[in-house]
Protein backbone atom coordinates (compact mmCIF):
# COMPACT_ATOMS: atom_id res chain seq x y z
CA UNK A 1 42.32 3.49 -6.00
CA UNK A 2 42.62 6.27 -3.45
CA UNK A 3 39.42 7.58 -1.93
CA UNK A 4 38.03 10.61 -3.75
CA UNK A 5 36.62 13.15 -1.31
CA UNK A 6 34.37 16.15 -1.75
CA UNK A 7 34.71 19.16 0.54
CA UNK A 8 31.54 19.94 2.51
CA UNK A 9 30.55 22.65 4.99
CA UNK A 10 32.08 22.16 8.44
CA UNK A 11 29.20 20.13 9.84
CA UNK A 12 28.99 17.95 6.73
CA UNK A 13 30.97 14.75 6.18
CA UNK A 14 33.58 13.74 3.66
CA UNK A 15 31.69 11.47 1.27
CA UNK A 16 33.33 8.94 -0.98
CA UNK A 17 32.65 9.85 -4.59
CA UNK A 18 34.72 7.05 -6.10
CA UNK A 19 31.68 4.82 -5.65
CA UNK A 20 29.12 4.54 -8.42
CA UNK A 21 25.77 5.58 -7.00
CA UNK A 22 23.85 4.64 -10.14
CA UNK A 23 25.27 1.12 -10.23
CA UNK A 24 24.55 0.79 -6.51
CA UNK A 25 20.92 1.80 -6.96
CA UNK A 26 20.54 -0.50 -9.99
CA UNK A 27 21.63 -3.39 -7.78
CA UNK A 28 19.19 -2.25 -5.07
CA UNK A 29 16.36 -2.32 -7.63
CA UNK A 30 17.32 -5.83 -8.77
CA UNK A 31 17.46 -7.08 -5.17
CA UNK A 32 14.06 -5.50 -4.52
CA UNK A 33 12.63 -7.26 -7.59
CA UNK A 34 13.73 -10.61 -6.14
CA UNK A 35 12.19 -9.66 -2.77
CA UNK A 36 8.91 -8.77 -4.46
CA UNK A 37 8.75 -12.16 -6.16
CA UNK A 38 9.51 -13.95 -2.90
CA UNK A 39 6.94 -11.80 -1.09
CA UNK A 40 4.27 -12.79 -3.58
CA UNK A 41 4.99 -16.45 -2.97
CA UNK A 42 4.13 -16.13 0.72
CA UNK A 43 1.93 -13.08 1.24
CA UNK A 44 -1.34 -14.44 -0.09
CA UNK A 45 -0.93 -17.71 1.79
CA UNK A 46 -0.24 -15.88 5.05
CA UNK A 47 -3.25 -13.59 4.73
CA UNK A 48 -5.50 -16.57 4.05
CA UNK A 49 -4.42 -18.29 7.27
CA UNK A 50 -4.18 -15.38 9.70
CA UNK A 51 -7.02 -13.21 10.95
CA UNK A 52 -4.55 -10.52 12.10
CA UNK A 53 -3.53 -9.60 8.56
CA UNK A 54 -4.18 -5.90 7.97
CA UNK A 55 -3.93 -5.26 4.22
CA UNK A 56 -2.80 -1.97 2.75
CA UNK A 57 -5.31 -0.22 0.53
CA UNK A 58 -2.95 1.63 -1.78
CA UNK A 59 -1.73 -1.51 -3.60
CA UNK A 60 -4.91 -3.58 -3.55
CA UNK A 61 -5.59 -3.18 -7.27
CA UNK A 62 -2.03 -3.54 -8.56
CA UNK A 63 -1.10 -6.51 -10.75
CA UNK A 64 1.95 -7.77 -8.89
CA UNK A 65 2.40 -10.73 -11.25
CA UNK A 66 4.22 -8.38 -13.63
CA UNK A 67 7.22 -8.05 -11.34
CA UNK A 68 10.27 -10.16 -12.22
CA UNK A 69 10.45 -13.58 -10.65
CA UNK A 70 12.95 -14.60 -7.99
CA UNK A 71 14.13 -17.58 -10.03
CA UNK A 72 15.11 -15.35 -12.96
CA UNK A 73 17.10 -12.87 -10.88
CA UNK A 74 20.11 -11.68 -12.82
CA UNK A 75 23.58 -13.06 -12.27
CA UNK A 76 24.60 -9.83 -10.54
CA UNK A 77 22.05 -10.45 -7.77
CA UNK A 78 23.22 -14.03 -7.38
CA UNK A 79 26.84 -12.88 -7.28
CA UNK A 80 25.96 -10.23 -4.73
CA UNK A 81 24.37 -12.77 -2.40
CA UNK A 82 27.28 -15.17 -2.76
CA UNK A 83 29.62 -12.41 -1.56
CA UNK A 84 27.25 -11.30 1.21
CA UNK A 85 26.72 -14.84 2.48
CA UNK A 86 30.46 -15.46 2.51
CA UNK A 87 31.54 -12.27 4.25
CA UNK A 88 28.80 -11.62 6.83
CA UNK A 89 30.50 -13.36 9.76
CA UNK A 90 30.29 -12.89 13.52
CA UNK A 91 33.77 -11.38 13.48
CA UNK A 92 32.85 -8.85 10.81
CA UNK A 93 29.62 -7.90 12.57
CA UNK A 94 31.40 -7.31 15.88
CA UNK A 95 33.89 -5.09 14.08
CA UNK A 96 31.15 -3.18 12.23
CA UNK A 97 29.36 -2.37 15.48
CA UNK A 98 32.59 -1.37 17.17
CA UNK A 99 33.39 0.92 14.23
CA UNK A 100 29.90 2.41 14.41
CA UNK A 101 30.30 3.38 18.07
CA UNK A 102 33.89 4.56 17.71
CA UNK A 103 33.25 7.58 15.50
CA UNK A 104 30.69 9.98 14.03
CA UNK A 105 30.69 9.80 10.24
CA UNK A 106 28.65 12.94 9.71
CA UNK A 107 26.44 15.54 11.40
CA UNK A 108 23.39 16.36 9.30
CA UNK A 109 19.70 17.02 9.69
CA UNK A 110 17.36 14.34 8.39
CA UNK A 111 16.41 16.43 5.36
CA UNK A 112 20.07 17.13 4.59
CA UNK A 113 20.66 13.37 4.66
CA UNK A 114 17.77 12.81 2.24
CA UNK A 115 19.13 15.44 -0.14
CA UNK A 116 22.66 14.04 0.11
CA UNK A 117 21.50 10.50 -0.69
CA UNK A 118 19.61 11.92 -3.64
CA UNK A 119 22.73 13.69 -4.92
CA UNK A 120 25.10 10.76 -4.46
CA UNK A 121 22.85 8.33 -6.32
CA UNK A 122 20.89 10.33 -8.87
CA UNK A 123 22.64 13.52 -9.89
CA UNK A 124 24.76 12.05 -12.70
CA UNK A 125 21.79 10.49 -14.50
CA UNK A 126 19.57 13.07 -16.27
CA UNK A 127 17.18 10.35 -17.40
CA UNK A 128 16.28 9.05 -13.92
CA UNK A 129 12.49 8.78 -13.84
CA UNK A 130 12.24 9.30 -10.11
CA UNK A 131 14.80 10.69 -7.68
CA UNK A 132 15.65 9.16 -4.32
CA UNK A 133 13.66 11.89 -2.58
CA UNK A 134 10.64 11.06 -4.71
CA UNK A 135 10.96 7.33 -4.00
CA UNK A 136 11.08 8.01 -0.25
CA UNK A 137 8.10 10.35 -0.50
CA UNK A 138 6.13 7.69 -2.40
CA UNK A 139 6.33 5.32 0.56
CA UNK A 140 5.42 8.04 3.03
CA UNK A 141 2.56 9.39 0.93
CA UNK A 142 1.06 5.93 0.38
CA UNK A 143 0.94 5.54 4.17
CA UNK A 144 -0.54 8.99 4.55
CA UNK A 145 -3.33 8.20 2.06
CA UNK A 146 -4.07 4.98 3.95
CA UNK A 147 -4.45 6.94 7.18
CA UNK A 148 -1.37 5.47 8.84
CA UNK A 149 -0.11 7.41 11.88
CA UNK A 150 2.30 10.31 11.49
CA UNK A 151 5.24 8.42 12.96
CA UNK A 152 4.74 5.66 10.38
CA UNK A 153 4.67 8.17 7.53
CA UNK A 154 7.99 9.54 8.76
CA UNK A 155 9.38 6.01 9.04
CA UNK A 156 8.47 5.45 5.40
CA UNK A 157 10.31 8.62 4.47
CA UNK A 158 13.57 7.77 6.26
CA UNK A 159 13.71 3.96 6.20
CA UNK A 160 16.35 3.73 3.45
CA UNK A 161 18.63 6.55 4.65
CA UNK A 162 21.02 3.92 5.94
CA UNK A 163 22.16 3.54 2.33
CA UNK A 164 24.41 6.51 3.06
CA UNK A 165 26.66 3.90 4.67
CA UNK A 166 27.81 2.94 1.16
CA UNK A 167 29.32 6.40 0.74
CA UNK A 168 30.94 6.49 4.18
CA UNK A 169 33.09 3.50 5.09
CA UNK A 170 31.28 0.32 4.03
CA UNK A 171 33.56 -2.32 2.55
CA UNK A 172 31.28 -2.78 -0.45
CA UNK A 173 27.66 -3.29 -1.41
CA UNK A 174 27.38 -6.57 0.49
CA UNK A 175 27.48 -4.83 3.90
CA UNK A 176 24.92 -2.19 2.97
CA UNK A 177 21.96 -3.80 1.16
CA UNK A 178 20.35 -7.20 0.65
CA UNK A 179 18.15 -9.41 2.81
CA UNK A 180 19.33 -9.62 6.41
CA UNK A 181 19.70 -12.65 8.71
CA UNK A 182 21.16 -13.51 12.13
CA UNK A 183 24.82 -14.32 12.52
CA UNK A 184 26.08 -16.45 15.38
CA UNK A 185 23.69 -19.34 14.77
CA UNK A 186 22.92 -21.75 11.94
CA UNK A 187 21.94 -20.10 8.66
CA UNK A 188 18.34 -21.04 7.94
CA UNK A 189 17.40 -22.63 4.63
CA UNK A 190 14.69 -19.96 4.19
CA UNK A 191 17.33 -17.28 3.62
CA UNK A 192 17.43 -16.33 -0.07
CA UNK A 193 19.28 -19.02 -2.07
CA UNK A 194 19.27 -21.31 0.98
CA UNK A 195 21.83 -22.17 3.62
CA UNK A 196 24.11 -23.93 1.14
CA UNK A 197 24.99 -20.49 -0.22
CA UNK A 198 26.95 -19.98 3.02
CA UNK A 199 29.37 -22.90 2.59
CA UNK A 200 32.34 -20.55 2.11
CA UNK A 201 31.44 -18.49 5.20
CA UNK A 202 33.95 -19.26 7.99
CA UNK A 203 31.07 -19.56 10.47
CA UNK A 204 29.28 -22.24 8.44
CA UNK A 205 31.10 -25.14 10.10
CA UNK A 206 31.96 -23.43 13.37
CA UNK A 207 31.16 -25.77 16.29
CA UNK A 208 29.08 -23.10 18.01
CA UNK A 209 27.84 -20.77 15.26
CA UNK A 210 26.62 -23.68 13.11
CA UNK A 211 24.22 -24.99 15.76
CA UNK A 212 20.52 -24.10 15.67
CA UNK A 213 20.67 -21.51 18.44
CA UNK A 214 24.41 -20.82 18.39
CA UNK A 215 25.24 -18.01 20.83
CA UNK A 216 21.54 -17.38 21.55
CA UNK A 217 18.82 -19.22 23.45
CA UNK A 218 15.17 -19.97 22.63
CA UNK A 219 12.92 -17.00 23.38
CA UNK A 220 15.84 -14.64 24.00
CA UNK A 221 14.22 -11.93 21.87
CA UNK A 222 15.44 -10.35 18.65
CA UNK A 223 16.84 -7.37 20.57
CA UNK A 224 19.54 -9.81 21.70
CA UNK A 225 20.22 -11.16 18.21
CA UNK A 226 22.97 -9.77 15.97
CA UNK A 227 21.56 -9.29 12.47
CA UNK A 228 23.84 -9.00 9.46
CA UNK A 229 25.22 -5.47 9.23
CA UNK A 230 23.77 -3.20 6.58
CA UNK A 231 21.63 -0.13 6.01
CA UNK A 232 18.83 -1.44 8.24
CA UNK A 233 21.03 -2.07 11.29
CA UNK A 234 23.01 1.11 10.71
CA UNK A 235 19.96 3.39 10.55
CA UNK A 236 18.34 1.60 13.48
CA UNK A 237 21.37 2.37 15.65
CA UNK A 238 21.44 5.98 14.40
CA UNK A 239 17.82 6.77 15.22
CA UNK A 240 17.01 4.66 18.29
CA UNK A 241 18.83 7.05 20.65
CA UNK A 242 18.31 10.26 18.66
CA UNK A 243 14.57 10.18 18.02
CA UNK A 244 11.32 9.70 19.89
CA UNK A 245 9.96 7.27 17.30
CA UNK A 246 7.94 4.43 18.89
CA UNK A 247 9.15 0.83 19.09
CA UNK A 248 7.04 -0.17 16.10
CA UNK A 249 8.89 2.37 13.95
CA UNK A 250 12.28 1.13 15.13
CA UNK A 251 11.23 -2.41 14.27
CA UNK A 252 10.12 -1.33 10.79
CA UNK A 253 13.54 0.22 10.21
CA UNK A 254 15.59 -2.62 11.69
CA UNK A 255 13.67 -5.58 10.25
CA UNK A 256 12.35 -4.40 6.88
CA UNK A 257 15.00 -6.47 5.03
CA UNK A 258 14.75 -9.43 7.41
CA UNK A 259 12.64 -11.38 4.92
CA UNK A 260 13.48 -14.88 6.26
CA UNK A 261 11.74 -13.80 9.47
CA UNK A 262 8.82 -11.60 8.51
CA UNK A 263 7.86 -13.37 5.26
CA UNK A 264 9.28 -16.90 5.45
CA UNK A 265 8.68 -17.71 9.12
CA UNK A 266 12.28 -18.47 10.06
CA UNK A 267 13.90 -17.82 13.45
CA UNK A 268 10.57 -17.71 15.27
CA UNK A 269 12.08 -19.77 18.13
CA UNK A 270 14.21 -16.76 19.05
CA UNK A 271 11.23 -14.42 19.47
CA UNK A 272 9.88 -13.16 22.77
CA UNK A 273 6.45 -11.66 23.46
CA UNK A 274 7.48 -8.18 22.24
CA UNK A 275 8.69 -9.59 18.92
CA UNK A 276 5.25 -10.94 18.04
CA UNK A 277 3.91 -7.39 18.22
CA UNK A 278 6.88 -6.10 16.22
CA UNK A 279 6.28 -8.75 13.55
CA UNK A 280 2.82 -7.38 12.86
CA UNK A 281 4.24 -3.85 12.62
CA UNK A 282 6.81 -4.96 10.05
CA UNK A 283 4.14 -6.79 8.05
CA UNK A 284 2.08 -3.59 7.95
CA UNK A 285 5.12 -1.72 6.67
CA UNK A 286 6.26 -4.27 4.06
CA UNK A 287 3.78 -3.45 1.23
CA UNK A 288 4.68 0.23 1.32
CA UNK A 289 8.35 -0.64 1.10
CA UNK A 290 7.99 -3.00 -1.86
CA UNK A 291 5.13 -1.68 -3.97
CA UNK A 292 4.90 2.10 -3.61
CA UNK A 293 7.52 2.81 -6.31
CA UNK A 294 4.90 2.46 -9.02
CA UNK A 295 2.77 5.27 -7.56
CA UNK A 296 2.48 8.73 -9.13
CA UNK A 297 5.38 11.16 -8.96
CA UNK A 298 5.17 13.31 -5.81
CA UNK A 299 5.98 17.03 -5.67
CA UNK A 300 8.99 17.49 -3.41
CA UNK A 301 8.54 21.23 -2.88
CA UNK A 302 4.83 20.89 -2.13
CA UNK A 303 5.35 18.09 0.40
CA UNK A 304 8.58 19.28 2.01
CA UNK A 305 6.98 21.57 4.65
CA UNK A 306 4.71 18.76 5.89
CA UNK A 307 7.61 16.33 6.28
CA UNK A 308 9.92 18.91 7.84
CA UNK A 309 7.23 19.30 10.50
CA UNK A 310 7.16 15.53 11.03
CA UNK A 311 10.93 15.41 11.29
CA UNK A 312 10.94 18.14 13.93
CA UNK A 313 8.23 16.31 15.87
CA UNK A 314 10.17 13.05 16.18
CA UNK A 315 13.79 14.27 16.07
CA UNK A 316 14.13 16.85 18.85
CA UNK A 317 17.86 17.21 18.17
CA UNK A 318 17.80 18.77 14.73
CA UNK A 319 21.36 17.78 13.78
CA UNK A 320 21.82 14.01 13.85
CA UNK A 321 25.12 12.22 14.44
CA UNK A 322 25.60 9.69 11.63
């Protein structure tokens, strides 16, 4: 099928509209449900063993046992991960990064990007309970109520904007969403569905990529590690040179889907001193990412001026190259 394009103002991109935003978001919700179940299996144990755990207040009284369990994830989620684990290779990731640096997909402000994501996913469904803008505001507002710093509130607002990649030039859903993991070294068994789910990946039996450290070395630092390409990596690369967000915020964006690392304890041998600090930042962010969707519906028009001010504070160049 030929790409279907929608004309935009001169500074706006050509978005693909032959892709089903509602089906994409339904898959995102199902993946998130599996992440919530996996999170519950480890979160309480971690907090019991570590004095540095800083719990969030907004979700302290929620009954998280009502979320669907990882083991009962639907066949679509299992099929998604089979495709992702087969296709996320070193070769593909090198190409994805080269493609990222070779062109600008769009020029938009942050708020324009939020509105565009909202339109591409939600506009055809009149029964949607909450829009994309409202979901993003829920995360940000939960942080605001907990007294988290302004930069963290903004990070909560923008952390999923990388999903726009699906409507640019992603090959499918598998290179946009889902749990992330390093490529170029052995796939850890703590990745969702285990390392046996990678048996059809060309790198699985590679003499270098299949070794424990592969192309890396112990303590090299996660800045040197190539994580599977998706909305996390994409947005991280977009904002790291176009914002004044602190390192903790960049880590929250880049690693929020890296569940094998921040929840399951995998790949710790690759960490350097900086990464231990980043790990705690991501753990502070994680509850707001997973659990804020059940909060009350926010008022977009009432909150918009506050968040436009935050955007201007941390994005000095108003128009962002996507």
